[in-house]
């Protein structure tokens, strides 16, 4: 799994951070936006979270689109994410990952 924490835009004081990355077991990119809350003013709560289902966000651009309204996105982020995804080609699930997928999704694919 890869993970990139991104800083909020200057005009977004309610945002703590956003995170994007690649989840190899689910074969999807993911995106999270953490909003400041009374209970979690420093850590924030992930009120936007996409990429939790297999193949949900098939491209780096799809994940970036989720967070882009809230954070500054580095120009090379999509290429970094794609490179991280390509590095996982051919890696198979371990026994525990495969069992979890069968339990959650009825399949390991």
C-alpha atoms as a PDB file:
ATOM      1  CA  UNK A   1       0.000   0.000   0.000  1.00  0.00           C
ATOM      2  CA  UNK A   2       1.181   3.500  -0.722  1.00  0.00           C
ATOM      3  CA  UNK A   3       0.081   6.599   1.139  1.00  0.00           C
ATOM      4  CA  UNK A   4       0.575  10.319   0.539  1.00  0.00           C
ATOM      5  CA  UNK A   5      -0.595  12.926   3.057  1.00  0.00           C
ATOM      6  CA  UNK A   6      -1.455  16.251   1.465  1.00  0.00           C
ATOM      7  CA  UNK A   7      -1.768  19.657   3.087  1.00  0.00           C
ATOM      8  CA  UNK A   8      -5.012  21.647   3.003  1.00  0.00           C
ATOM      9  CA  UNK A   9      -5.466  24.680   0.816  1.00  0.00           C
ATOM     10  CA  UNK A  10      -4.961  27.966   2.668  1.00  0.00           C
ATOM     11  CA  UNK A  11      -8.670  28.793   2.403  1.00  0.00           C
ATOM     12  CA  UNK A  12      -9.779  25.450   3.946  1.00  0.00           C
ATOM     13  CA  UNK A  13      -9.332  25.832   7.741  1.00  0.00           C
ATOM     14  CA  UNK A  14     -11.817  23.019   8.403  1.00  0.00           C
ATOM     15  CA  UNK A  15      -9.540  20.476   6.669  1.00  0.00           C
ATOM     16  CA  UNK A  16      -6.741  18.814   8.658  1.00  0.00           C
ATOM     17  CA  UNK A  17      -5.273  16.812   5.759  1.00  0.00           C
ATOM     18  CA  UNK A  18      -6.105  14.508   2.898  1.00  0.00           C
ATOM     19  CA  UNK A  19      -4.559  11.181   2.006  1.00  0.00           C
ATOM     20  CA  UNK A  20      -4.352   9.323  -1.305  1.00  0.00           C
ATOM     21  CA  UNK A  21      -2.683   6.061  -2.197  1.00  0.00           C
ATOM     22  CA  UNK A  22      -2.821   2.610  -3.765  1.00  0.00           C
ATOM     23  CA  UNK A  23      -4.318  -0.415  -1.983  1.00  0.00           C
ATOM     24  CA  UNK A  24      -2.954  -3.541  -3.682  1.00  0.00           C
ATOM     25  CA  UNK A  25      -5.188  -6.101  -1.950  1.00  0.00           C
ATOM     26  CA  UNK A  26      -8.325  -4.204  -3.014  1.00  0.00           C
ATOM     27  CA  UNK A  27      -6.821  -3.236  -6.385  1.00  0.00           C
ATOM     28  CA  UNK A  28      -8.002   0.335  -5.998  1.00  0.00           C
ATOM     29  CA  UNK A  29      -6.670   3.776  -5.343  1.00  0.00           C
ATOM     30  CA  UNK A  30      -8.111   5.445  -2.255  1.00  0.00           C
ATOM     31  CA  UNK A  31      -8.745   8.974  -1.051  1.00  0.00           C
ATOM     32  CA  UNK A  32      -9.582  10.390   2.368  1.00  0.00           C
ATOM     33  CA  UNK A  33     -10.277  13.933   3.535  1.00  0.00           C
ATOM     34  CA  UNK A  34      -9.979  14.584   7.273  1.00  0.00           C
ATOM     35  CA  UNK A  35     -12.148  17.382   8.657  1.00  0.00           C
ATOM     36  CA  UNK A  36     -11.502  19.166  11.940  1.00  0.00           C
ATOM     37  CA  UNK A  37     -14.161  18.227  14.535  1.00  0.00           C
ATOM     38  CA  UNK A  38     -14.728  19.235  18.159  1.00  0.00           C
ATOM     39  CA  UNK A  39     -13.823  15.709  19.235  1.00  0.00           C
ATOM     40  CA  UNK A  40     -10.744  15.512  16.962  1.00  0.00           C
ATOM     41  CA  UNK A  41      -9.498  19.072  16.341  1.00  0.00           C
ATOM     42  CA  UNK A  42      -5.908  18.035  15.551  1.00  0.00           C
ATOM     43  CA  UNK A  43      -6.295  14.595  13.915  1.00  0.00           C
ATOM     44  CA  UNK A  44      -9.621  15.198  12.222  1.00  0.00           C
ATOM     45  CA  UNK A  45     -12.216  12.691  11.129  1.00  0.00           C
ATOM     46  CA  UNK A  46     -12.317  11.113   7.650  1.00  0.00           C
ATOM     47  CA  UNK A  47     -15.695  12.392   6.478  1.00  0.00           C
ATOM     48  CA  UNK A  48     -14.814  11.720   2.839  1.00  0.00           C
ATOM     49  CA  UNK A  49     -13.419   8.236   2.164  1.00  0.00           C
ATOM     50  CA  UNK A  50     -13.442   6.608  -1.257  1.00  0.00           C
ATOM     51  CA  UNK A  51     -11.702   3.468  -2.449  1.00  0.00           C
ATOM     52  CA  UNK A  52     -12.942   0.995   0.144  1.00  0.00           C
ATOM     53  CA  UNK A  53     -14.386  -1.488  -2.358  1.00  0.00           C
ATOM     54  CA  UNK A  54     -12.408  -3.605  -4.845  1.00  0.00           C
ATOM     55  CA  UNK A  55     -11.631  -1.557  -7.964  1.00  0.00           C
ATOM     56  CA  UNK A  56     -13.687   1.440  -6.791  1.00  0.00           C
ATOM     57  CA  UNK A  57     -11.160   4.094  -7.914  1.00  0.00           C
ATOM     58  CA  UNK A  58      -9.426   2.552 -10.928  1.00  0.00           C
ATOM     59  CA  UNK A  59      -7.104   5.469 -11.709  1.00  0.00           C
ATOM     60  CA  UNK A  60      -4.826   7.791  -9.798  1.00  0.00           C
ATOM     61  CA  UNK A  61      -6.724  10.697 -11.329  1.00  0.00           C
ATOM     62  CA  UNK A  62      -9.993   9.425  -9.822  1.00  0.00           C
ATOM     63  CA  UNK A  63      -8.460   9.431  -6.337  1.00  0.00           C
ATOM     64  CA  UNK A  64      -6.905  12.854  -6.832  1.00  0.00           C
ATOM     65  CA  UNK A  65     -10.247  14.267  -8.003  1.00  0.00           C
ATOM     66  CA  UNK A  66     -11.762  13.354  -4.620  1.00  0.00           C
ATOM     67  CA  UNK A  67      -9.198  15.378  -2.638  1.00  0.00           C
ATOM     68  CA  UNK A  68      -8.344  18.175  -5.112  1.00  0.00           C
ATOM     69  CA  UNK A  69     -11.061  20.601  -3.963  1.00  0.00           C
ATOM     70  CA  UNK A  70      -9.606  20.514  -0.449  1.00  0.00           C
ATOM     71  CA  UNK A  71      -5.806  20.272  -0.697  1.00  0.00           C
ATOM     72  CA  UNK A  72      -2.797  21.327  -2.704  1.00  0.00           C
ATOM     73  CA  UNK A  73      -1.940  18.489  -5.099  1.00  0.00           C
ATOM     74  CA  UNK A  74       1.660  18.085  -6.287  1.00  0.00           C
ATOM     75  CA  UNK A  75       1.967  18.111 -10.076  1.00  0.00           C
ATOM     76  CA  UNK A  76       3.677  14.715 -10.151  1.00  0.00           C
ATOM     77  CA  UNK A  77       1.326  12.913  -7.751  1.00  0.00           C
ATOM     78  CA  UNK A  78      -0.614  10.957 -10.407  1.00  0.00           C
ATOM     79  CA  UNK A  79       2.609   9.575 -11.885  1.00  0.00           C
ATOM     80  CA  UNK A  80       3.921   8.668  -8.425  1.00  0.00           C
ATOM     81  CA  UNK A  81       0.718   6.783  -7.627  1.00  0.00           C
ATOM     82  CA  UNK A  82       0.752   4.961 -10.961  1.00  0.00           C
ATOM     83  CA  UNK A  83       4.371   3.967 -10.406  1.00  0.00           C
ATOM     84  CA  UNK A  84       3.520   2.611  -6.953  1.00  0.00           C
ATOM     85  CA  UNK A  85       0.627   0.649  -8.431  1.00  0.00           C
ATOM     86  CA  UNK A  86       2.843  -0.806 -11.182  1.00  0.00           C
ATOM     87  CA  UNK A  87       5.381  -1.926  -8.557  1.00  0.00           C
ATOM     88  CA  UNK A  88       2.732  -4.260  -7.105  1.00  0.00           C
ATOM     89  CA  UNK A  89       1.934  -6.083 -10.359  1.00  0.00           C
ATOM     90  CA  UNK A  90       2.427  -9.793  -9.839  1.00  0.00           C
ATOM     91  CA  UNK A  91       2.313  -9.680  -6.045  1.00  0.00           C
ATOM     92  CA  UNK A  92      -0.209 -12.202  -4.768  1.00  0.00           C
ATOM     93  CA  UNK A  93      -2.292 -12.138  -1.623  1.00  0.00           C
ATOM     94  CA  UNK A  94      -1.018 -14.038   1.380  1.00  0.00           C
ATOM     95  CA  UNK A  95      -3.193 -16.699   3.016  1.00  0.00           C
ATOM     96  CA  UNK A  96      -4.734 -14.255   5.489  1.00  0.00           C
ATOM     97  CA  UNK A  97      -5.493 -11.626   2.842  1.00  0.00           C
ATOM     98  CA  UNK A  98      -7.124 -14.240   0.613  1.00  0.00           C
ATOM     99  CA  UNK A  99      -9.227 -15.543   3.515  1.00  0.00           C
ATOM    100  CA  UNK A 100     -10.330 -12.023   4.432  1.00  0.00           C
ATOM    101  CA  UNK A 101     -11.336 -11.294   0.818  1.00  0.00           C
ATOM    102  CA  UNK A 102     -13.366 -14.506   0.605  1.00  0.00           C
ATOM    103  CA  UNK A 103     -15.097 -13.608   3.861  1.00  0.00           C
ATOM    104  CA  UNK A 104     -15.807  -9.994   2.910  1.00  0.00           C
ATOM    105  CA  UNK A 105     -16.406 -10.243  -0.814  1.00  0.00           C
ATOM    106  CA  UNK A 106     -17.000 -13.948  -1.574  1.00  0.00           C
ATOM    107  CA  UNK A 107     -13.928 -14.021  -3.810  1.00  0.00           C
ATOM    108  CA  UNK A 108     -10.227 -13.251  -3.738  1.00  0.00           C
ATOM    109  CA  UNK A 109     -10.463 -11.122  -6.917  1.00  0.00           C
END
